[in-house]
Amino acid sequence: MNEEMYETILNMPEFMEKALRELKLNGEIPPEIDGIAFFGMGGSGIAGRITSEWLNYEWGVNVHSYNEIIIPRNISRKTLITLVSYSGNTEETLMAAKKAIYEGYKVAVISSGGRLMELAVEKGLPHIKIPKIFSQPRESLPYLFTATIKVLVEAKIIGSEQLNQLDECIKTIYKVREGLRENNVPKMLAERIYGKIISIFTYTPLTPAAIRFKQSLNENSKIVAKVEVIPEACHNAIMEWEEDPEILKKIAMVIIREDNVKEKLIEISMNTLKEIALRKGVTVEEIYAIGNNVLSHIFSAIYIGDLVSIELANMKGIDARKINLIDYLKGRIRSSIYM
């Protein structure tokens, strides 16, 4: 039922390579930019979140990500507000764009078209146009993420070192895909967590992979999922394992982690959470991030998680691309705003 979407996910590294070759910035980045703030929602917003987490953690650059309709007052006038919307018609992102322009911020756009791209052209804003070849924004992640990198390069925020890590990341995804020939991890994991409420645990800098996994489970698999981040989870979420044992049987804890956890406190906390969950009868599974840098870790985990979500959709016999409730909500918002 979901063969086409599964194939789209499998081809993530090819799409990233193609995007690197083909995407071009139209217009010029304004001078004196010292940072980027990405604004976007859902499958479009996660691109900025991945970029900011990677660059902040590994390089300490001034790059941030927001899923908001307002521009936080702590963003300086030297920050380039970059709006990301695959469709170009996301109301929240359009509202953020209009506020940023009205308040005099420097603005750029990443989109495949829609009203956001019309606004970019009308106002003469620098923009990158994504090819409209995907059915859903979440499928366009390889292009949207690569577009954020293009903006950062043009703004001279990053350079060859970061691009080398991106190249290494693409090679890592190819390696993960090759491994699926002998060991279909996504299918096996889906079989073990099928019919469960998913509680995803991770830690910085893998948080974007956990958020993306939750989004994919929600949208593609139509199942309940949430994200907990260690160490904060140790001060509240740990107590969910004291729930009624009959309820705990319906929960699967999925840990997104690296082979070698750098922080000893994180490793101890994670192992203790896992130990308690198992003792309480909770299903516990792990997704291992691989690669030689943070970006590779994030994307290798995202790759597996996306495939798991499609396997679950197949097991449930549902169309992964259908998002009826999201469409209903968007319709209500548009009818209220433009009535």
Protein backbone atom coordinates (compact mmCIF):
# COMPACT_ATOMS: atom_id res chain seq x y z
CA MET A 1 0.00 0.00 0.00
CA ASN A 2 2.80 2.43 0.87
CA GLU A 3 5.46 1.23 -1.55
CA GLU A 4 6.03 4.64 -3.14
CA MET A 5 6.55 6.41 0.18
CA TYR A 6 8.84 3.62 1.42
CA GLU A 7 10.90 3.97 -1.75
CA THR A 8 11.09 7.75 -1.25
CA ILE A 9 12.56 7.20 2.22
CA LEU A 10 15.01 4.58 0.95
CA ASN A 11 16.27 7.08 -1.63
CA MET A 12 17.07 9.76 0.98
CA PRO A 13 20.84 9.82 0.25
CA GLU A 14 20.27 10.17 -3.52
CA PHE A 15 17.84 13.05 -2.90
CA MET A 16 20.38 14.79 -0.67
CA GLU A 17 23.09 14.47 -3.32
CA LYS A 18 20.73 15.74 -5.99
CA ALA A 19 19.67 18.68 -3.82
CA LEU A 20 23.32 19.62 -3.24
CA ARG A 21 23.87 19.73 -7.00
CA GLU A 22 20.66 21.45 -8.04
CA LEU A 23 19.44 23.85 -5.36
CA LYS A 24 20.40 27.48 -5.90
CA LEU A 25 19.81 30.61 -3.88
CA ASN A 26 17.86 33.24 -5.81
CA GLY A 27 18.88 36.74 -4.74
CA GLU A 28 21.56 37.70 -2.25
CA ILE A 29 21.84 37.24 1.49
CA PRO A 30 21.80 40.68 3.18
CA PRO A 31 25.16 41.88 4.55
CA GLU A 32 26.27 41.71 8.19
CA ILE A 33 24.43 38.49 9.04
CA ASP A 34 25.77 36.83 12.19
CA GLY A 35 23.23 34.02 12.61
CA ILE A 36 20.17 32.21 11.25
CA ALA A 37 16.78 31.54 12.86
CA PHE A 38 14.71 28.92 11.03
CA PHE A 39 10.91 29.02 11.35
CA GLY A 40 8.70 26.16 10.19
CA MET A 41 6.09 23.63 11.24
CA GLY A 42 5.90 19.83 11.18
CA GLY A 43 7.71 18.07 8.35
CA SER A 44 9.12 21.42 7.18
CA GLY A 45 10.17 22.66 10.60
CA ILE A 46 12.24 19.60 11.46
CA ALA A 47 14.85 20.56 8.84
CA GLY A 48 15.80 23.67 10.80
CA ARG A 49 15.76 21.73 14.07
CA ILE A 50 18.26 19.19 12.73
CA THR A 51 20.51 21.95 11.41
CA SER A 52 20.47 23.98 14.61
CA GLU A 53 21.04 20.99 16.91
CA TRP A 54 23.98 19.74 14.85
CA LEU A 55 25.68 23.12 14.42
CA ASN A 56 25.11 24.29 17.99
CA TYR A 57 26.32 21.05 19.54
CA GLU A 58 29.33 20.41 17.32
CA TRP A 59 30.31 23.89 16.15
CA GLY A 60 28.75 26.42 18.52
CA VAL A 61 27.40 28.64 15.76
CA ASN A 62 24.49 31.08 16.06
CA VAL A 63 21.77 28.95 14.44
CA HIS A 64 18.38 28.35 16.05
CA SER A 65 15.02 26.80 15.16
CA TYR A 66 11.46 27.78 16.09
CA ASN A 67 8.01 26.28 15.60
CA GLU A 68 6.30 29.59 16.25
CA ILE A 69 4.18 32.31 14.67
CA ILE A 70 5.86 35.09 16.66
CA ILE A 71 9.44 36.37 16.45
CA PRO A 72 11.06 36.12 19.91
CA ARG A 73 12.39 39.48 21.09
CA ASN A 74 15.83 38.08 21.83
CA ILE A 75 16.53 37.56 18.10
CA SER A 76 18.90 40.29 16.95
CA ARG A 77 18.51 42.36 13.79
CA LYS A 78 21.66 40.70 12.44
CA THR A 79 19.92 37.32 12.44
CA LEU A 80 18.47 36.12 9.14
CA ILE A 81 14.89 34.91 9.70
CA THR A 82 14.51 31.96 7.32
CA LEU A 83 10.98 30.65 6.73
CA VAL A 84 10.70 26.98 5.74
CA SER A 85 7.47 25.58 4.27
CA TYR A 86 7.43 22.91 1.62
CA SER A 87 3.91 23.79 0.42
CA GLY A 88 4.39 27.50 0.93
CA ASN A 89 0.86 27.69 2.33
CA THR A 90 1.42 26.84 6.00
CA GLU A 91 -0.57 29.52 7.83
CA GLU A 92 1.69 29.65 10.88
CA THR A 93 4.82 30.12 8.75
CA LEU A 94 3.12 32.75 6.62
CA MET A 95 2.15 34.65 9.76
CA ALA A 96 5.75 34.49 11.03
CA ALA A 97 7.00 35.70 7.63
CA LYS A 98 4.66 38.68 7.56
CA LYS A 99 5.56 39.66 11.12
CA ALA A 100 9.28 39.39 10.40
CA ILE A 101 8.94 41.59 7.31
CA TYR A 102 6.71 44.11 9.11
CA GLU A 103 9.13 44.35 12.03
CA GLY A 104 12.08 44.98 9.72
CA TYR A 105 14.02 41.75 10.06
CA LYS A 106 16.21 40.37 7.30
CA VAL A 107 14.24 37.49 5.78
CA ALA A 108 14.86 34.49 3.48
CA VAL A 109 12.50 31.75 2.25
CA ILE A 110 12.75 28.02 1.50
CA SER A 111 9.68 26.58 -0.25
CA SER A 112 8.34 24.80 -3.32
CA GLY A 113 5.87 27.58 -4.09
CA GLY A 114 2.55 28.74 -2.66
CA ARG A 115 1.85 32.07 -1.02
CA LEU A 116 5.19 32.09 0.81
CA MET A 117 7.14 31.95 -2.45
CA GLU A 118 4.85 34.62 -3.93
CA LEU A 119 5.67 36.81 -0.93
CA ALA A 120 9.41 36.18 -1.39
CA VAL A 121 9.28 37.19 -5.05
CA GLU A 122 7.06 40.19 -4.36
CA LYS A 123 9.36 41.51 -1.60
CA GLY A 124 12.59 40.59 -3.37
CA LEU A 125 13.66 38.22 -0.60
CA PRO A 126 16.48 35.71 -1.11
CA HIS A 127 14.91 32.29 -1.59
CA ILE A 128 15.51 28.68 -2.54
CA LYS A 129 12.81 26.94 -4.53
CA ILE A 130 12.39 23.23 -3.80
CA PRO A 131 11.09 21.02 -6.65
CA LYS A 132 7.47 20.05 -6.07
CA ILE A 133 7.99 16.30 -6.39
CA PHE A 134 6.76 15.05 -3.01
CA SER A 135 3.21 14.33 -1.86
CA GLN A 136 3.79 15.40 1.74
CA PRO A 137 6.19 17.89 3.37
CA ARG A 138 7.73 15.17 5.56
CA GLU A 139 8.91 13.38 2.42
CA SER A 140 10.86 16.45 1.30
CA LEU A 141 13.25 16.45 4.28
CA PRO A 142 16.39 15.69 2.18
CA TYR A 143 15.71 18.77 0.04
CA LEU A 144 14.58 21.07 2.85
CA PHE A 145 17.55 20.17 5.04
CA THR A 146 20.00 20.63 2.18
CA ALA A 147 18.40 24.00 1.42
CA THR A 148 19.09 25.14 4.99
CA ILE A 149 22.73 24.22 4.43
CA LYS A 150 22.80 26.25 1.19
CA VAL A 151 21.45 29.31 3.04
CA LEU A 152 24.07 28.91 5.78
CA VAL A 153 26.89 28.62 3.24
CA GLU A 154 25.70 31.70 1.34
CA ALA A 155 25.48 33.61 4.63
CA LYS A 156 29.05 32.50 5.40
CA ILE A 157 27.93 30.95 8.68
CA ILE A 158 29.42 27.56 7.74
CA GLY A 159 32.01 26.36 5.24
CA SER A 160 34.00 23.40 3.97
CA GLU A 161 34.34 21.61 7.31
CA GLN A 162 30.59 21.36 7.76
CA LEU A 163 30.07 20.39 4.12
CA ASN A 164 32.57 17.58 4.60
CA GLN A 165 30.47 16.33 7.51
CA LEU A 166 27.38 16.46 5.31
CA ASP A 167 29.19 14.35 2.72
CA GLU A 168 30.12 11.86 5.45
CA CYS A 169 26.48 11.84 6.60
CA ILE A 170 25.26 10.88 3.14
CA LYS A 171 27.77 8.03 3.02
CA THR A 172 26.52 6.86 6.42
CA ILE A 173 22.91 6.70 5.18
CA TYR A 174 24.06 4.62 2.21
CA LYS A 175 25.78 2.31 4.71
CA VAL A 176 22.59 1.96 6.76
CA ARG A 177 20.61 1.14 3.64
CA GLU A 178 23.11 -1.48 2.55
CA GLY A 179 22.81 -3.13 5.95
CA LEU A 180 19.06 -3.54 5.47
CA ARG A 181 19.75 -6.19 2.81
CA GLU A 182 20.92 -8.62 5.48
CA ASN A 183 19.13 -7.32 8.55
CA ASN A 184 15.78 -5.55 8.08
CA VAL A 185 15.90 -3.64 11.36
CA PRO A 186 12.86 -1.40 10.63
CA LYS A 187 10.58 -4.35 9.91
CA MET A 188 11.71 -6.29 12.98
CA LEU A 189 11.37 -3.24 15.22
CA ALA A 190 7.90 -2.49 13.86
CA GLU A 191 6.80 -6.04 14.60
CA ARG A 192 7.97 -5.73 18.21
CA ILE A 193 6.27 -2.41 18.95
CA TYR A 194 3.10 -2.97 16.91
CA GLY A 195 -0.06 -2.14 18.83
CA LYS A 196 1.83 -0.17 21.49
CA ILE A 197 1.87 3.42 22.70
CA ILE A 198 5.40 4.61 21.95
CA SER A 199 7.48 6.45 24.55
CA ILE A 200 10.69 7.64 22.86
CA PHE A 201 13.72 8.41 25.04
CA THR A 202 16.91 10.12 23.88
CA TYR A 203 19.40 12.85 24.77
CA THR A 204 21.13 15.83 23.18
CA PRO A 205 22.19 15.95 20.34
CA LEU A 206 19.86 13.19 19.09
CA THR A 207 16.69 15.08 20.04
CA PRO A 208 15.79 15.94 16.39
CA ALA A 209 15.85 12.22 15.51
CA ALA A 210 13.43 11.51 18.36
CA ILE A 211 11.13 14.36 17.36
CA ARG A 212 11.17 13.20 13.74
CA PHE A 213 10.40 9.62 14.83
CA LYS A 214 7.43 10.86 16.86
CA GLN A 215 6.19 12.92 13.91
CA SER A 216 6.52 9.96 11.54
CA LEU A 217 4.71 7.63 13.95
CA ASN A 218 1.92 10.19 14.38
CA GLU A 219 1.50 11.06 10.69
CA ASN A 220 2.43 7.85 8.89
CA SER A 221 1.41 5.20 11.43
CA LYS A 222 -1.44 7.13 13.14
CA ILE A 223 -0.34 6.00 16.59
CA VAL A 224 0.24 7.66 19.96
CA ALA A 225 3.88 8.61 20.55
CA LYS A 226 5.76 11.06 22.75
CA VAL A 227 9.36 12.17 23.29
CA GLU A 228 11.34 12.33 26.54
CA VAL A 229 14.83 13.83 26.73
CA ILE A 230 17.41 12.69 29.27
CA PRO A 231 18.41 14.05 31.81
CA GLU A 232 15.16 16.01 32.21
CA ALA A 233 13.18 12.76 31.83
CA CYS A 234 14.85 11.46 35.00
CA HIS A 235 13.11 14.19 37.00
CA ASN A 236 9.55 13.44 35.84
CA ALA A 237 9.02 10.88 33.04
CA ILE A 238 10.68 8.13 35.08
CA MET A 239 7.59 8.13 37.29
CA GLU A 240 5.38 6.88 34.44
CA TRP A 241 6.80 3.43 35.12
CA GLU A 242 4.71 3.41 38.33
CA GLU A 243 1.50 3.30 36.26
CA ASP A 244 -0.96 0.43 36.45
CA PRO A 245 0.88 -2.71 35.19
CA GLU A 246 -1.95 -3.40 32.75
CA ILE A 247 -1.42 0.01 31.16
CA LEU A 248 2.37 -0.43 31.10
CA LYS A 249 1.92 -3.59 29.02
CA LYS A 250 0.56 -1.34 26.25
CA ILE A 251 3.67 0.86 26.17
CA ALA A 252 6.89 0.41 24.19
CA MET A 253 9.95 2.37 25.28
CA VAL A 254 12.16 3.12 22.26
CA ILE A 255 15.61 4.48 23.07
CA ILE A 256 17.49 6.40 20.38
CA ARG A 257 21.16 6.25 21.29
CA GLU A 258 24.75 5.99 20.15
CA ASP A 259 27.00 2.97 20.67
CA ASN A 260 29.29 5.01 22.88
CA VAL A 261 27.51 7.61 24.98
CA LYS A 262 29.94 10.47 25.70
CA GLU A 263 28.46 11.63 29.00
CA LYS A 264 28.65 9.13 31.86
CA LEU A 265 25.63 10.65 33.62
CA ILE A 266 23.51 10.22 30.47
CA GLU A 267 24.62 6.60 30.08
CA ILE A 268 23.84 5.74 33.71
CA SER A 269 20.47 7.49 33.54
CA MET A 270 19.50 5.80 30.29
CA ASN A 271 20.48 2.34 31.48
CA THR A 272 18.60 2.83 34.74
CA LEU A 273 15.46 3.98 32.93
CA LYS A 274 15.71 0.92 30.71
CA GLU A 275 16.23 -1.40 33.69
CA ILE A 276 13.17 -0.04 35.52
CA ALA A 277 10.98 -0.21 32.40
CA LEU A 278 11.92 -3.85 31.78
CA ARG A 279 11.27 -4.73 35.42
CA LYS A 280 7.81 -3.17 35.12
CA GLY A 281 6.94 -5.24 32.05
CA VAL A 282 7.40 -2.49 29.45
CA THR A 283 8.57 -3.47 25.96
CA VAL A 284 12.00 -1.87 25.45
CA GLU A 285 13.69 -1.43 22.06
CA GLU A 286 16.68 0.59 20.86
CA ILE A 287 17.62 2.43 17.68
CA TYR A 288 21.38 2.86 17.36
CA ALA A 289 22.71 5.96 15.64
CA ILE A 290 25.91 5.38 13.66
CA GLY A 291 28.53 7.46 11.88
CA ASN A 292 31.57 9.61 12.60
CA ASN A 293 29.82 12.88 13.48
CA VAL A 294 26.66 14.25 15.07
CA LEU A 295 24.91 14.88 11.75
CA SER A 296 25.45 11.26 10.71
CA HIS A 297 24.10 10.09 14.06
CA ILE A 298 20.95 12.17 13.69
CA PHE A 299 20.21 11.13 10.12
CA SER A 300 21.03 7.44 10.55
CA ALA A 301 18.45 7.30 13.36
CA ILE A 302 15.93 9.32 11.34
CA TYR A 303 16.35 6.95 8.40
CA ILE A 304 15.51 3.89 10.50
CA GLY A 305 12.66 5.65 12.28
CA ASP A 306 11.01 6.78 9.05
CA LEU A 307 11.11 3.23 7.67
CA VAL A 308 9.68 1.83 10.92
CA SER A 309 6.71 4.19 10.61
CA ILE A 310 5.90 2.90 7.12
CA GLU A 311 6.24 -0.73 8.23
CA LEU A 312 3.73 -0.02 11.00
CA ALA A 313 1.35 1.65 8.54
CA ASN A 314 1.55 -1.46 6.35
CA MET A 315 0.87 -3.72 9.32
CA LYS A 316 -2.19 -1.63 10.17
CA GLY A 317 -3.35 -1.60 6.56
CA ILE A 318 -3.54 2.20 6.38
CA ASP A 319 -2.40 4.85 3.91
CA ALA A 320 0.66 6.55 5.42
CA ARG A 321 0.15 9.68 3.32
CA LYS A 322 -3.39 10.43 4.45
CA ILE A 323 -3.60 13.09 7.17
CA ASN A 324 -7.34 13.72 7.37
CA LEU A 325 -7.36 15.36 10.80
CA ILE A 326 -4.50 17.72 9.92
CA ASP A 327 -6.32 18.68 6.73
CA TYR A 328 -9.51 19.26 8.73
CA LEU A 329 -7.69 21.50 11.23
CA LYS A 330 -5.98 23.48 8.46
CA GLY A 331 -9.35 23.98 6.80
CA ARG A 332 -10.83 25.34 10.03
CA ILE A 333 -7.90 27.74 10.46
CA ARG A 334 -8.11 29.03 6.89
CA SER A 335 -11.88 29.45 6.98
CA SER A 336 -11.61 31.42 10.23
CA ILE A 337 -8.75 33.66 9.05
CA TYR A 338 -10.08 34.42 5.58
CA MET A 339 -13.86 34.40 6.21
